[in-house]
Amino acid sequence: EKAVKAFLIWHDQLFPKTHEIESLVEQASTLDPRFEEILDAAELLSPYAWQFRYPGDVEIDAPSRNELDEALQQKSRDRRRGSRENGPPP
């Protein structure tokens, strides 16, 4: 979430106050189509950006160990791919 927001700020783009990574990635993909590659990951990771940050706001079940492992692996793959392929923002 923070990395995508930083990319949008770097490109002087306004974005809504949100923790929905998917919508931020969609907006970023209009500037750089490579963001489309992580759209599925953004959908998977979005709930982790806010659900556990604000305890008591929403009644939710904690993720299973499998779900957590999958999300962390996806985040790690995306971070490695982004730094290896893209380098710093233009």
Protein backbone atom coordinates (compact mmCIF):
# COMPACT_ATOMS: atom_id res chain seq x y z
CA GLU A 1 0.00 0.00 0.00
CA LYS A 2 2.65 2.52 1.02
CA ALA A 3 4.89 1.69 -1.94
CA VAL A 4 2.05 2.22 -4.44
CA LYS A 5 1.06 5.48 -2.74
CA ALA A 6 4.70 6.62 -2.94
CA PHE A 7 4.74 5.80 -6.67
CA LEU A 8 1.57 7.87 -7.19
CA ILE A 9 2.97 10.78 -5.18
CA TRP A 10 6.23 10.58 -7.17
CA HIS A 11 4.11 11.09 -10.28
CA ASP A 12 2.08 13.95 -8.75
CA GLN A 13 -1.11 11.90 -8.75
CA LEU A 14 -3.92 12.48 -6.30
CA PHE A 15 -5.58 9.41 -4.81
CA PRO A 16 -8.41 8.86 -2.34
CA LYS A 17 -7.75 8.18 1.32
CA THR A 18 -7.94 4.39 1.20
CA HIS A 19 -6.27 1.18 2.28
CA GLU A 20 -7.62 -0.69 -0.78
CA ILE A 21 -4.39 -1.70 -2.47
CA GLU A 22 -6.26 -2.99 -5.50
CA SER A 23 -7.72 0.43 -6.38
CA LEU A 24 -4.34 2.09 -5.87
CA VAL A 25 -2.65 -0.47 -8.15
CA GLU A 26 -5.33 0.08 -10.79
CA GLN A 27 -4.62 3.81 -10.69
CA ALA A 28 -0.85 3.24 -10.83
CA SER A 29 -1.28 0.93 -13.82
CA THR A 30 -2.57 3.88 -15.86
CA LEU A 31 0.91 5.38 -15.46
CA ASP A 32 2.90 2.16 -15.73
CA PRO A 33 1.24 -0.95 -17.19
CA ARG A 34 3.63 -3.21 -15.24
CA PHE A 35 1.39 -2.67 -12.22
CA GLU A 36 -1.23 -4.85 -13.92
CA GLU A 37 1.05 -7.81 -13.15
CA ILE A 38 0.44 -7.41 -9.42
CA LEU A 39 -3.29 -6.77 -9.52
CA ASP A 40 -4.15 -10.27 -8.24
CA ALA A 41 -1.64 -9.90 -5.42
CA ALA A 42 -3.12 -6.53 -4.54
CA GLU A 43 -6.55 -8.09 -4.22
CA LEU A 44 -5.12 -10.82 -1.97
CA LEU A 45 -3.17 -8.39 0.23
CA SER A 46 -5.74 -5.57 0.57
CA PRO A 47 -7.51 -6.97 3.63
CA TYR A 48 -4.21 -7.17 5.50
CA ALA A 49 -3.65 -3.44 4.95
CA TRP A 50 -6.44 -2.46 7.29
CA GLN A 51 -8.42 -5.27 8.95
CA PHE A 52 -5.92 -5.94 11.69
CA ARG A 53 -4.75 -2.36 12.03
CA TYR A 54 -8.02 -1.20 13.56
CA PRO A 55 -9.11 -3.88 16.04
CA GLY A 56 -12.73 -3.74 17.08
CA ASP A 57 -13.92 -1.81 14.02
CA VAL A 58 -14.96 -4.93 12.10
CA GLU A 59 -15.76 -8.42 13.34
CA ILE A 60 -13.50 -10.69 11.31
CA ASP A 61 -11.81 -14.04 11.61
CA ALA A 62 -8.05 -14.09 11.76
CA PRO A 63 -6.42 -15.50 8.62
CA SER A 64 -5.39 -19.13 8.65
CA ARG A 65 -1.70 -19.94 8.73
CA ASN A 66 -2.00 -20.98 5.06
CA GLU A 67 -3.59 -17.67 4.04
CA LEU A 68 -0.96 -15.72 5.94
CA ASP A 69 1.89 -17.71 4.40
CA GLU A 70 0.45 -17.22 0.90
CA ALA A 71 0.08 -13.47 1.41
CA LEU A 72 3.62 -13.12 2.75
CA GLN A 73 5.07 -15.17 -0.11
CA GLN A 74 3.19 -13.07 -2.67
CA LYS A 75 4.37 -9.84 -1.07
CA SER A 76 7.96 -11.09 -1.07
CA ARG A 77 7.77 -12.18 -4.75
CA ASP A 78 6.30 -8.83 -5.77
CA ARG A 79 8.90 -6.86 -3.84
CA ARG A 80 11.78 -8.85 -5.39
CA ARG A 81 10.29 -8.59 -8.88
CA GLY A 82 9.70 -4.86 -8.50
CA SER A 83 13.20 -4.01 -7.34
CA ARG A 84 14.88 -6.39 -9.84
CA GLU A 85 12.85 -5.45 -12.91
CA ASN A 86 11.85 -1.87 -12.32
CA GLY A 87 14.59 -0.24 -10.30
CA PRO A 88 13.73 3.09 -8.72
CA PRO A 89 10.71 5.06 -9.98
CA PRO A 90 11.38 7.07 -13.15
